[in-house]
Protein backbone atom coordinates (compact mmCIF):
# COMPACT_ATOMS: atom_id res chain seq x y z
CA MET A 1 23.24 15.98 -23.41
CA TYR A 2 22.23 13.97 -20.35
CA LYS A 3 24.38 11.07 -19.21
CA LYS A 4 22.66 7.69 -19.59
CA LEU A 5 22.11 6.56 -16.03
CA ILE A 6 21.93 3.14 -14.43
CA ILE A 7 18.81 3.17 -12.24
CA ALA A 8 18.20 0.40 -9.69
CA ILE A 9 14.77 -0.36 -8.22
CA ASP A 10 14.70 -2.94 -5.42
CA GLY A 11 12.01 -4.13 -3.05
CA PRO A 12 9.88 -7.09 -2.01
CA SER A 13 7.35 -8.95 -4.16
CA GLY A 14 4.26 -6.89 -5.02
CA ALA A 15 5.70 -3.48 -4.12
CA GLY A 16 5.07 -2.22 -7.64
CA LYS A 17 8.60 -2.56 -8.97
CA SER A 18 7.65 -4.00 -12.36
CA THR A 19 4.96 -1.42 -13.10
CA LEU A 20 7.10 1.51 -11.98
CA SER A 21 10.24 0.24 -13.70
CA LYS A 22 8.35 0.07 -17.01
CA ALA A 23 6.74 3.47 -16.47
CA LEU A 24 10.03 5.13 -15.53
CA ALA A 25 11.85 3.53 -18.46
CA ASP A 26 9.10 4.74 -20.82
CA LYS A 27 9.34 8.30 -19.51
CA LEU A 28 13.13 8.34 -19.84
CA GLU A 29 13.18 6.28 -23.06
CA TYR A 30 15.47 3.79 -21.29
CA LEU A 31 15.64 0.01 -21.58
CA ASN A 32 13.65 -1.71 -18.82
CA ILE A 33 15.21 -4.89 -17.44
CA ASP A 34 12.86 -6.94 -15.25
CA THR A 35 15.35 -9.16 -13.43
CA GLY A 36 12.58 -10.88 -11.49
CA ALA A 37 11.08 -12.02 -14.80
CA MET A 38 14.46 -13.51 -15.69
CA TYR A 39 14.50 -15.64 -12.54
CA ARG A 40 10.85 -16.53 -13.06
CA SER A 41 11.75 -17.70 -16.57
CA VAL A 42 14.42 -20.02 -15.21
CA ALA A 43 11.92 -21.34 -12.64
CA LEU A 44 9.30 -21.93 -15.35
CA MET A 45 11.73 -23.84 -17.54
CA ALA A 46 12.94 -25.87 -14.56
CA GLN A 47 9.31 -26.70 -13.76
CA ARG A 48 8.61 -27.76 -17.33
CA GLN A 49 11.74 -29.89 -17.51
CA LYS A 50 11.06 -31.31 -14.03
CA ILE A 51 14.41 -30.17 -12.68
CA ASP A 52 14.72 -30.25 -8.90
CA SER A 53 15.29 -26.79 -7.38
CA HIS A 54 18.30 -28.16 -5.45
CA ASP A 55 20.02 -29.74 -8.47
CA GLU A 56 22.81 -27.20 -9.04
CA GLN A 57 24.36 -28.93 -12.04
CA ALA A 58 21.06 -29.36 -13.88
CA LEU A 59 20.14 -25.72 -13.21
CA LYS A 60 23.56 -24.54 -14.37
CA LYS A 61 23.13 -26.42 -17.65
CA LEU A 62 19.58 -25.08 -17.99
CA CYS A 63 20.82 -21.48 -17.68
CA ALA A 64 23.63 -22.08 -20.17
CA ASP A 65 21.08 -23.24 -22.74
CA LEU A 66 18.60 -20.38 -22.17
CA SER A 67 18.16 -17.39 -24.43
CA ILE A 68 16.40 -14.54 -22.59
CA ARG A 69 15.46 -11.19 -24.10
CA PHE A 70 12.94 -8.39 -23.64
CA VAL A 71 10.82 -6.92 -26.45
CA ARG A 72 8.12 -4.26 -26.63
CA GLU A 73 4.96 -5.28 -28.48
CA LYS A 74 1.96 -2.95 -28.88
CA GLY A 75 3.09 -0.90 -25.90
CA GLN A 76 3.56 -4.01 -23.75
CA GLU A 77 6.85 -5.45 -22.59
CA ARG A 78 7.21 -9.16 -23.25
CA ILE A 79 9.87 -11.64 -22.17
CA ILE A 80 11.02 -14.15 -24.74
CA VAL A 81 12.76 -17.35 -23.66
CA ASN A 82 14.22 -19.61 -26.34
CA GLU A 83 12.10 -17.63 -28.83
CA VAL A 84 8.84 -18.37 -26.95
CA ASP A 85 6.78 -15.66 -25.23
CA VAL A 86 6.48 -16.68 -21.56
CA SER A 87 5.24 -13.32 -20.22
CA ASP A 88 2.00 -14.74 -18.80
CA ALA A 89 3.23 -18.24 -17.94
CA ILE A 90 5.83 -16.91 -15.47
CA ARG A 91 3.23 -15.04 -13.38
CA THR A 92 1.36 -17.98 -11.82
CA PRO A 93 1.44 -18.48 -8.01
CA GLU A 94 3.26 -21.82 -8.47
CA VAL A 95 6.07 -20.22 -10.48
CA SER A 96 6.26 -17.34 -7.96
CA LEU A 97 6.95 -19.72 -5.07
CA LEU A 98 9.37 -21.84 -7.08
CA THR A 99 11.27 -18.72 -8.14
CA ALA A 100 12.34 -18.01 -4.54
CA LYS A 101 13.95 -21.47 -4.39
CA ILE A 102 15.52 -21.21 -7.83
CA ALA A 103 16.91 -17.75 -7.07
CA SER A 104 18.85 -19.10 -4.09
CA CYS A 105 20.89 -21.37 -6.38
CA SER A 106 24.40 -19.95 -6.88
CA SER A 107 24.66 -21.24 -10.47
CA VAL A 108 21.43 -19.51 -11.45
CA ARG A 109 22.40 -16.23 -9.75
CA GLU A 110 25.83 -16.20 -11.41
CA ALA A 111 24.31 -16.77 -14.86
CA MET A 112 21.62 -14.11 -14.40
CA LEU A 113 24.08 -11.67 -12.81
CA ASP A 114 26.37 -11.88 -15.84
CA LEU A 115 23.45 -11.39 -18.22
CA GLN A 116 22.04 -8.43 -16.26
CA ARG A 117 25.40 -6.67 -16.18
CA GLN A 118 25.84 -7.21 -19.91
CA MET A 119 22.40 -5.70 -20.56
CA GLY A 120 22.96 -2.68 -18.34
CA GLN A 121 26.65 -1.80 -18.52
CA GLU A 122 26.23 0.98 -21.11
CA GLY A 123 23.67 2.86 -19.00
CA GLY A 124 20.30 4.12 -20.15
CA VAL A 125 18.64 1.31 -18.19
CA VAL A 126 16.17 0.77 -15.38
CA LEU A 127 16.70 -2.54 -13.60
CA GLU A 128 14.33 -3.89 -10.99
CA GLY A 129 14.71 -6.79 -8.63
CA ARG A 130 15.81 -7.57 -5.09
CA ASP A 131 19.57 -7.09 -5.19
CA ILE A 132 20.20 -4.60 -8.01
CA GLY A 133 21.56 -1.80 -5.83
CA THR A 134 23.47 -4.12 -3.52
CA VAL A 135 24.88 -6.84 -5.82
CA VAL A 136 24.18 -6.37 -9.54
CA PHE A 137 25.03 -2.66 -9.80
CA PRO A 138 26.24 -1.43 -6.39
CA SER A 139 27.56 1.69 -8.13
CA ALA A 140 24.22 2.48 -9.85
CA ASP A 141 23.66 6.20 -10.38
CA VAL A 142 20.23 6.16 -8.69
CA LYS A 143 18.86 3.57 -6.28
CA PHE A 144 15.26 3.23 -5.13
CA PHE A 145 13.83 0.79 -2.59
CA LEU A 146 10.07 0.34 -2.91
CA SER A 147 8.09 -1.00 0.02
CA ALA A 148 4.46 -1.59 1.05
CA THR A 149 2.69 -3.70 3.65
CA ALA A 150 2.33 -7.43 2.96
CA GLU A 151 -1.46 -7.02 3.03
CA GLN A 152 -1.40 -4.31 0.38
CA ARG A 153 1.07 -6.22 -1.79
CA GLY A 154 -1.00 -9.38 -1.50
CA LEU A 155 -4.14 -7.47 -2.50
CA ARG A 156 -2.38 -6.06 -5.56
CA ARG A 157 -1.16 -9.50 -6.62
CA TYR A 158 -4.64 -10.97 -6.03
CA LYS A 159 -6.26 -8.35 -8.29
CA GLU A 160 -3.58 -8.84 -10.95
CA LEU A 161 -4.12 -12.60 -11.05
CA LYS A 162 -7.92 -12.29 -11.00
CA GLU A 163 -7.79 -9.94 -14.00
CA LYS A 164 -5.86 -12.61 -15.87
CA GLY A 165 -8.57 -15.17 -15.10
CA ILE A 166 -6.48 -17.11 -12.60
CA LYS A 167 -8.50 -18.55 -9.70
CA VAL A 168 -6.92 -17.34 -6.45
CA ASP A 169 -7.80 -16.79 -2.79
CA LEU A 170 -6.98 -13.40 -1.23
CA GLN A 171 -5.78 -14.69 2.14
CA GLN A 172 -3.68 -17.37 0.49
CA THR A 173 -2.18 -14.77 -1.85
CA ILE A 174 -1.21 -12.59 1.13
CA ALA A 175 0.28 -15.67 2.84
CA ASP A 176 2.23 -16.44 -0.34
CA VAL A 177 3.64 -12.90 -0.36
CA GLU A 178 4.73 -13.26 3.28
CA SER A 179 6.29 -16.64 2.49
CA ARG A 180 8.16 -15.12 -0.46
CA ASP A 181 9.41 -12.29 1.76
CA LYS A 182 10.84 -14.76 4.27
CA ALA A 183 12.56 -16.77 1.54
CA ASP A 184 14.01 -13.67 -0.12
CA THR A 185 15.35 -12.10 3.07
CA ALA A 186 16.63 -15.32 4.65
CA ARG A 187 18.61 -16.74 1.74
CA THR A 188 22.39 -16.72 2.14
CA LEU A 189 23.16 -15.66 -1.42
CA ALA A 190 22.23 -12.06 -2.36
CA PRO A 191 19.25 -11.70 0.02
CA LEU A 192 16.66 -8.96 -0.38
CA MET A 193 18.32 -5.97 1.24
CA GLN A 194 18.00 -2.21 1.10
CA ALA A 195 21.17 -0.48 -0.10
CA ASP A 196 22.48 2.11 2.36
CA ASP A 197 22.27 4.84 -0.27
CA ALA A 198 18.86 3.85 -1.66
CA ILE A 199 15.92 6.26 -1.58
CA VAL A 200 13.03 4.51 0.18
CA VAL A 201 9.50 4.97 -1.16
CA ASP A 202 6.59 3.39 0.75
CA SER A 203 3.85 2.86 -1.83
CA THR A 204 1.20 1.51 0.56
CA GLN A 205 -0.92 4.67 0.40
CA LEU A 206 0.38 6.03 -2.92
CA THR A 207 -0.79 5.57 -6.49
CA ILE A 208 1.55 4.50 -9.28
CA VAL A 209 1.43 8.07 -10.62
CA ASP A 210 2.42 9.48 -7.20
CA VAL A 211 5.43 7.18 -6.89
CA LEU A 212 6.49 7.74 -10.50
CA GLN A 213 6.48 11.49 -9.96
CA LYS A 214 8.68 11.14 -6.87
CA MET A 215 11.13 8.99 -8.84
CA LEU A 216 11.25 11.38 -11.80
CA VAL A 217 12.16 14.31 -9.53
CA VAL A 218 15.12 12.33 -8.16
CA VAL A 219 16.27 11.10 -11.59
CA GLU A 220 16.00 14.54 -13.20
CA ALA A 221 18.09 16.05 -10.40
CA LYS A 222 20.72 13.36 -10.92
CA GLN A 223 20.73 13.94 -14.67
CA ALA A 224 21.27 17.66 -14.11
CA GLU A 225 24.27 16.88 -11.88
CA ALA A 226 25.78 14.60 -14.52
CA VAL A 227 25.66 17.06 -17.43
């Protein structure tokens, strides 16, 4: 019987974390926890309630009143906030940029950190974000850090948004990715950082299938060690 592992996948926006986290969780029959979607959900609700991104008290109350959960529906993972499906609404460029500001709020990070640890403490989980291996679960059994050039990540995001019918400009999307990178790495609280013991995978020239296969080899070796 294999031990249920805690698997952390970190990396910048557009590196393929969400897609690979879902794919890896499916292969292992683990729970996938998209932590970025959790922060995006807070940003969306703050936007809808017109809460300033610097208003710590209002954001703290917002988080206390939020119910966030993940469900699988027809093979697709959906995020439900206060019993409303916000899976598509949290993926707009406006919410993406606001998320970087919201995520730097200590009250928001504390609330999401507690929730993420509750979700993952029993193992059998794949968590993806920007500080999983360094802050959320520094003792995770397996840590990956996905990277890719800003140009490639911007192109991926551009295609994703176009497929959803959202009108976007490629160069602006790449600029948004670069802006998000700066915000994520420069913030004082839990900045985007590669864990010292993380396995780095550059996905710039690799397909999702290629990266997934590399990850599965590592996870299977770890599972064998833990038997």
